[in-house]
């Protein structure tokens, strides 16, 4: 289901892919996040996604204008996963609520891998 806002002048509909793209971009701005991950169901391998494919690592669900998001991420080696994911949750929640006007109900983060950054 897509999020909808009714105004005096008409109706605004926000597609889940637009929310996923915005959330993925906001996630990449967080310290310690290397990128989004795609897990191959066939062989279980994790692949780092390019910036053009951010939405494959982000799953968005909107029900009654409440957003639930699943992130599949790869983090930098040597950082505190708890701190990085806490920062990711706070940052994305604030940015999405400002961007869409919808409440962020749930953010699930799946750390799919760790990568050394040069």
N, C-alpha and C. Protein backbone atom coordinates (compact mmCIF):
# COMPACT_ATOMS: atom_id res chain seq x y z
N UNK A 1 0.84 -1.18 0.00
CA UNK A 1 0.00 0.00 0.00
C UNK A 1 0.89 1.24 0.00
N UNK A 2 0.49 2.25 -0.70
CA UNK A 2 1.23 3.50 -0.77
C UNK A 2 0.70 4.48 0.27
N UNK A 3 1.59 5.36 0.73
CA UNK A 3 1.18 6.39 1.66
C UNK A 3 0.43 7.50 0.95
N UNK A 4 -0.59 8.02 1.57
CA UNK A 4 -1.39 9.08 0.96
C UNK A 4 -1.68 10.19 1.95
N UNK A 5 -1.62 11.41 1.44
CA UNK A 5 -1.96 12.59 2.22
C UNK A 5 -3.02 13.36 1.44
N UNK A 6 -4.10 13.71 2.10
CA UNK A 6 -5.17 14.47 1.46
C UNK A 6 -5.04 15.92 1.91
N UNK A 7 -4.96 16.83 0.94
CA UNK A 7 -4.86 18.26 1.23
C UNK A 7 -6.09 18.97 0.68
N UNK A 8 -6.16 20.26 0.89
CA UNK A 8 -7.27 21.07 0.37
C UNK A 8 -7.29 21.04 -1.15
N UNK A 9 -6.10 20.98 -1.76
CA UNK A 9 -6.00 21.03 -3.21
C UNK A 9 -6.03 19.67 -3.89
N UNK A 10 -5.95 18.61 -3.13
CA UNK A 10 -5.97 17.28 -3.74
C UNK A 10 -5.26 16.25 -2.89
N UNK A 11 -4.89 15.16 -3.54
CA UNK A 11 -4.29 14.03 -2.84
C UNK A 11 -2.84 13.85 -3.26
N UNK A 12 -1.98 13.52 -2.31
CA UNK A 12 -0.57 13.25 -2.57
C UNK A 12 -0.32 11.78 -2.26
N UNK A 13 0.24 11.05 -3.21
CA UNK A 13 0.57 9.65 -3.03
C UNK A 13 2.08 9.49 -3.14
N UNK A 14 2.68 8.83 -2.15
CA UNK A 14 4.12 8.61 -2.16
C UNK A 14 4.37 7.11 -2.36
N UNK A 15 5.07 6.77 -3.43
CA UNK A 15 5.36 5.39 -3.77
C UNK A 15 6.40 4.80 -2.81
N UNK A 16 6.28 3.52 -2.53
CA UNK A 16 7.23 2.86 -1.63
C UNK A 16 8.66 2.91 -2.16
N UNK A 17 8.83 2.87 -3.49
CA UNK A 17 10.18 2.95 -4.06
C UNK A 17 10.81 4.31 -3.81
N UNK A 18 10.02 5.38 -3.82
CA UNK A 18 10.55 6.71 -3.51
C UNK A 18 11.01 6.77 -2.06
N UNK A 19 10.24 6.18 -1.17
CA UNK A 19 10.61 6.14 0.24
C UNK A 19 11.87 5.30 0.43
N UNK A 20 11.95 4.16 -0.26
CA UNK A 20 13.11 3.28 -0.15
C UNK A 20 14.37 3.97 -0.67
N UNK A 21 14.26 4.68 -1.78
CA UNK A 21 15.41 5.40 -2.34
C UNK A 21 15.90 6.47 -1.37
N UNK A 22 14.98 7.22 -0.80
CA UNK A 22 15.34 8.27 0.15
C UNK A 22 15.95 7.67 1.41
N UNK A 23 15.37 6.59 1.91
CA UNK A 23 15.88 5.93 3.12
C UNK A 23 17.27 5.35 2.87
N UNK A 24 17.48 4.75 1.70
CA UNK A 24 18.79 4.19 1.36
C UNK A 24 19.86 5.26 1.26
N UNK A 25 19.51 6.39 0.67
CA UNK A 25 20.45 7.51 0.57
C UNK A 25 20.76 8.06 1.95
N UNK A 26 19.75 8.18 2.79
CA UNK A 26 19.97 8.67 4.16
C UNK A 26 20.84 7.69 4.95
N UNK A 27 20.67 6.41 4.72
CA UNK A 27 21.47 5.40 5.42
C UNK A 27 22.94 5.49 5.02
N UNK A 28 23.21 5.74 3.75
CA UNK A 28 24.59 5.83 3.29
C UNK A 28 25.30 7.05 3.85
N UNK A 29 24.55 8.05 4.29
CA UNK A 29 25.14 9.24 4.91
C UNK A 29 25.60 8.96 6.34
N UNK A 30 25.19 7.83 6.92
CA UNK A 30 25.54 7.50 8.30
C UNK A 30 26.96 6.94 8.37
N UNK A 31 27.71 7.39 9.37
CA UNK A 31 29.07 6.89 9.59
C UNK A 31 29.03 5.40 9.88
N UNK A 32 29.92 4.66 9.25
CA UNK A 32 30.04 3.23 9.52
C UNK A 32 29.26 2.35 8.57
N UNK A 33 28.38 2.92 7.78
CA UNK A 33 27.62 2.13 6.80
C UNK A 33 28.38 2.16 5.48
N UNK A 34 28.81 0.99 5.01
CA UNK A 34 29.54 0.89 3.75
C UNK A 34 28.57 0.92 2.58
N UNK A 35 27.45 0.22 2.73
CA UNK A 35 26.46 0.17 1.66
C UNK A 35 25.34 -0.78 1.98
N UNK A 36 24.43 -0.90 1.03
CA UNK A 36 23.32 -1.83 1.14
C UNK A 36 23.77 -3.19 0.61
N UNK A 37 23.12 -4.23 1.09
CA UNK A 37 23.49 -5.58 0.71
C UNK A 37 22.32 -6.31 0.07
N UNK A 38 22.65 -7.18 -0.85
CA UNK A 38 21.67 -8.09 -1.44
C UNK A 38 22.13 -9.50 -1.14
N UNK A 39 21.25 -10.31 -0.60
CA UNK A 39 21.59 -11.69 -0.26
C UNK A 39 21.02 -12.59 -1.34
N UNK A 40 21.89 -13.41 -1.91
CA UNK A 40 21.46 -14.36 -2.92
C UNK A 40 20.76 -15.53 -2.25
N UNK A 41 19.51 -15.75 -2.59
CA UNK A 41 18.76 -16.85 -1.99
C UNK A 41 19.30 -18.21 -2.45
N UNK A 42 19.86 -18.23 -3.65
CA UNK A 42 20.35 -19.48 -4.22
C UNK A 42 21.56 -20.02 -3.47
N UNK A 43 22.57 -19.16 -3.24
CA UNK A 43 23.80 -19.65 -2.63
C UNK A 43 24.14 -18.98 -1.30
N UNK A 44 23.35 -18.00 -0.85
CA UNK A 44 23.56 -17.37 0.44
C UNK A 44 24.66 -16.32 0.47
N UNK A 45 25.23 -15.98 -0.67
CA UNK A 45 26.27 -14.96 -0.71
C UNK A 45 25.68 -13.57 -0.57
N UNK A 46 26.46 -12.68 0.04
CA UNK A 46 26.05 -11.29 0.22
C UNK A 46 26.81 -10.44 -0.78
N UNK A 47 26.10 -9.54 -1.46
CA UNK A 47 26.71 -8.69 -2.47
C UNK A 47 26.50 -7.23 -2.09
N UNK A 48 27.57 -6.44 -2.14
CA UNK A 48 27.48 -5.00 -1.90
C UNK A 48 26.84 -4.37 -3.12
N UNK A 49 25.76 -3.62 -2.90
CA UNK A 49 25.04 -3.00 -4.01
C UNK A 49 25.64 -1.65 -4.37
N UNK A 50 25.56 -1.31 -5.64
CA UNK A 50 25.99 0.02 -6.09
C UNK A 50 24.92 1.03 -5.70
N UNK A 51 25.30 2.30 -5.73
CA UNK A 51 24.36 3.34 -5.33
C UNK A 51 23.10 3.37 -6.18
N UNK A 52 23.19 2.91 -7.42
CA UNK A 52 22.01 2.90 -8.29
C UNK A 52 21.01 1.82 -7.89
N UNK A 53 21.45 0.86 -7.08
CA UNK A 53 20.60 -0.27 -6.70
C UNK A 53 20.22 -0.26 -5.22
N UNK A 54 20.20 0.91 -4.62
CA UNK A 54 19.93 1.02 -3.18
C UNK A 54 18.63 0.36 -2.76
N UNK A 55 17.62 0.47 -3.57
CA UNK A 55 16.30 -0.02 -3.17
C UNK A 55 16.25 -1.54 -3.03
N UNK A 56 17.21 -2.26 -3.60
CA UNK A 56 17.23 -3.71 -3.44
C UNK A 56 17.62 -4.11 -2.02
N UNK A 57 18.31 -3.24 -1.30
CA UNK A 57 18.70 -3.53 0.08
C UNK A 57 17.77 -2.92 1.11
N UNK A 58 16.71 -2.28 0.64
CA UNK A 58 15.76 -1.61 1.54
C UNK A 58 14.35 -2.09 1.18
N UNK A 59 13.63 -2.59 2.17
CA UNK A 59 12.23 -3.00 1.97
C UNK A 59 11.34 -2.07 2.77
N UNK A 60 10.37 -1.47 2.09
CA UNK A 60 9.48 -0.50 2.73
C UNK A 60 8.05 -1.01 2.68
N UNK A 61 7.36 -0.89 3.81
CA UNK A 61 5.94 -1.20 3.89
C UNK A 61 5.25 0.00 4.52
N UNK A 62 4.13 0.42 3.92
CA UNK A 62 3.35 1.54 4.46
C UNK A 62 1.93 1.05 4.72
N UNK A 63 1.51 1.16 5.98
CA UNK A 63 0.14 0.82 6.37
C UNK A 63 -0.43 1.95 7.19
N UNK A 64 -1.55 2.50 6.77
CA UNK A 64 -2.19 3.62 7.47
C UNK A 64 -1.21 4.77 7.71
N UNK A 65 -0.41 5.07 6.69
CA UNK A 65 0.60 6.14 6.73
C UNK A 65 1.62 5.95 7.85
N UNK A 66 1.90 4.71 8.20
CA UNK A 66 2.96 4.36 9.13
C UNK A 66 3.96 3.50 8.36
N UNK A 67 5.23 3.89 8.43
CA UNK A 67 6.27 3.26 7.63
C UNK A 67 7.03 2.22 8.46
N UNK A 68 7.23 1.05 7.86
CA UNK A 68 8.12 0.02 8.41
C UNK A 68 9.20 -0.24 7.37
N UNK A 69 10.46 -0.29 7.83
CA UNK A 69 11.58 -0.44 6.91
C UNK A 69 12.49 -1.56 7.37
N UNK A 70 12.97 -2.35 6.42
CA UNK A 70 14.01 -3.34 6.65
C UNK A 70 15.24 -2.91 5.86
N UNK A 71 16.37 -2.77 6.54
CA UNK A 71 17.64 -2.45 5.90
C UNK A 71 18.53 -3.68 5.94
N UNK A 72 19.16 -3.99 4.83
CA UNK A 72 20.19 -5.02 4.75
C UNK A 72 21.48 -4.26 4.45
N UNK A 73 22.37 -4.17 5.45
CA UNK A 73 23.54 -3.30 5.32
C UNK A 73 24.85 -4.07 5.51
N UNK A 74 25.91 -3.44 5.04
CA UNK A 74 27.27 -3.86 5.30
C UNK A 74 27.93 -2.73 6.06
N UNK A 75 28.57 -3.06 7.19
CA UNK A 75 29.19 -2.03 8.03
C UNK A 75 30.71 -2.07 7.90
N UNK A 76 31.33 -0.97 8.31
CA UNK A 76 32.79 -0.87 8.29
C UNK A 76 33.38 -1.73 9.39
N UNK A 77 34.53 -2.30 9.09
CA UNK A 77 35.26 -3.09 10.08
C UNK A 77 35.78 -2.16 11.18
N UNK A 78 35.65 -2.57 12.43
CA UNK A 78 36.23 -1.84 13.54
C UNK A 78 35.30 -0.84 14.21
N UNK A 79 34.10 -0.70 13.71
CA UNK A 79 33.15 0.23 14.34
C UNK A 79 32.20 -0.55 15.23
N UNK A 80 31.60 0.14 16.18
CA UNK A 80 30.61 -0.47 17.06
C UNK A 80 29.31 -0.63 16.28
N UNK A 81 28.90 -1.86 16.08
CA UNK A 81 27.67 -2.11 15.32
C UNK A 81 26.47 -1.51 16.04
N UNK A 82 26.45 -1.61 17.36
CA UNK A 82 25.34 -1.05 18.13
C UNK A 82 25.25 0.47 17.93
N UNK A 83 26.39 1.16 17.95
CA UNK A 83 26.40 2.61 17.78
C UNK A 83 26.00 3.00 16.36
N UNK A 84 26.56 2.29 15.38
CA UNK A 84 26.25 2.59 13.98
C UNK A 84 24.78 2.37 13.68
N UNK A 85 24.22 1.26 14.14
CA UNK A 85 22.81 0.98 13.86
C UNK A 85 21.88 1.93 14.62
N UNK A 86 22.27 2.32 15.84
CA UNK A 86 21.49 3.31 16.58
C UNK A 86 21.47 4.65 15.86
N UNK A 87 22.62 5.05 15.33
CA UNK A 87 22.71 6.28 14.56
C UNK A 87 21.87 6.18 13.28
N UNK A 88 21.92 5.03 12.63
CA UNK A 88 21.14 4.81 11.42
C UNK A 88 19.65 4.93 11.71
N UNK A 89 19.19 4.32 12.77
CA UNK A 89 17.77 4.37 13.13
C UNK A 89 17.33 5.81 13.39
N UNK A 90 18.08 6.53 14.23
CA UNK A 90 17.70 7.91 14.57
C UNK A 90 17.72 8.83 13.36
N UNK A 91 18.76 8.71 12.55
CA UNK A 91 18.90 9.58 11.38
C UNK A 91 17.82 9.33 10.34
N UNK A 92 17.61 8.06 10.00
CA UNK A 92 16.61 7.72 8.97
C UNK A 92 15.21 8.04 9.47
N UNK A 93 14.92 7.76 10.73
CA UNK A 93 13.60 8.06 11.29
C UNK A 93 13.30 9.56 11.17
N UNK A 94 14.24 10.39 11.60
CA UNK A 94 14.04 11.84 11.54
C UNK A 94 13.86 12.31 10.09
N UNK A 95 14.75 11.86 9.20
CA UNK A 95 14.70 12.32 7.81
C UNK A 95 13.43 11.86 7.11
N UNK A 96 13.02 10.62 7.33
CA UNK A 96 11.80 10.13 6.67
C UNK A 96 10.54 10.79 7.20
N UNK A 97 10.47 11.02 8.50
CA UNK A 97 9.28 11.68 9.04
C UNK A 97 9.19 13.12 8.55
N UNK A 98 10.35 13.77 8.38
CA UNK A 98 10.36 15.13 7.84
C UNK A 98 9.99 15.12 6.35
N UNK A 99 10.55 14.17 5.61
CA UNK A 99 10.36 14.06 4.16
C UNK A 99 8.93 13.71 3.78
N UNK A 100 8.35 12.73 4.48
CA UNK A 100 7.04 12.22 4.08
C UNK A 100 5.88 12.76 4.91
N UNK A 101 6.14 13.13 6.15
CA UNK A 101 5.06 13.50 7.06
C UNK A 101 4.39 12.30 7.70
N UNK A 102 4.89 11.09 7.40
CA UNK A 102 4.35 9.86 7.98
C UNK A 102 5.16 9.48 9.20
N UNK A 103 4.55 8.70 10.08
CA UNK A 103 5.25 8.18 11.26
C UNK A 103 6.06 6.94 10.86
N UNK A 104 7.31 6.88 11.32
CA UNK A 104 8.11 5.67 11.14
C UNK A 104 7.82 4.77 12.34
N UNK A 105 7.18 3.67 12.05
CA UNK A 105 6.72 2.77 13.11
C UNK A 105 7.81 1.77 13.52
N UNK A 106 8.59 1.29 12.52
CA UNK A 106 9.56 0.24 12.81
C UNK A 106 10.71 0.31 11.80
N UNK A 107 11.93 0.12 12.32
CA UNK A 107 13.12 0.01 11.47
C UNK A 107 13.88 -1.23 11.91
N UNK A 108 13.97 -2.21 11.02
CA UNK A 108 14.73 -3.43 11.28
C UNK A 108 16.02 -3.35 10.48
N UNK A 109 17.14 -3.66 11.13
CA UNK A 109 18.44 -3.61 10.46
C UNK A 109 19.05 -5.00 10.51
N UNK A 110 19.42 -5.50 9.34
CA UNK A 110 20.09 -6.79 9.21
C UNK A 110 21.51 -6.51 8.74
N UNK A 111 22.48 -6.75 9.61
CA UNK A 111 23.88 -6.54 9.24
C UNK A 111 24.31 -7.82 8.51
N UNK A 112 24.51 -7.68 7.21
CA UNK A 112 24.81 -8.84 6.35
C UNK A 112 26.30 -9.09 6.19
N UNK A 113 27.12 -8.11 6.59
CA UNK A 113 28.54 -8.32 6.44
C UNK A 113 29.34 -7.14 7.00
N UNK A 114 30.65 -7.35 7.03
CA UNK A 114 31.59 -6.35 7.50
C UNK A 114 32.65 -6.21 6.41
N UNK A 115 33.04 -4.98 6.14
CA UNK A 115 34.03 -4.74 5.09
C UNK A 115 35.09 -3.77 5.59
N UNK A 116 36.36 -4.08 5.25
CA UNK A 116 37.46 -3.19 5.58
C UNK A 116 37.48 -2.06 4.57
N UNK A 117 37.56 -0.83 5.07
CA UNK A 117 37.59 0.35 4.21
C UNK A 117 39.03 0.83 4.12
N UNK A 118 39.48 1.10 2.91
CA UNK A 118 40.86 1.60 2.70
C UNK A 118 40.97 3.05 3.03
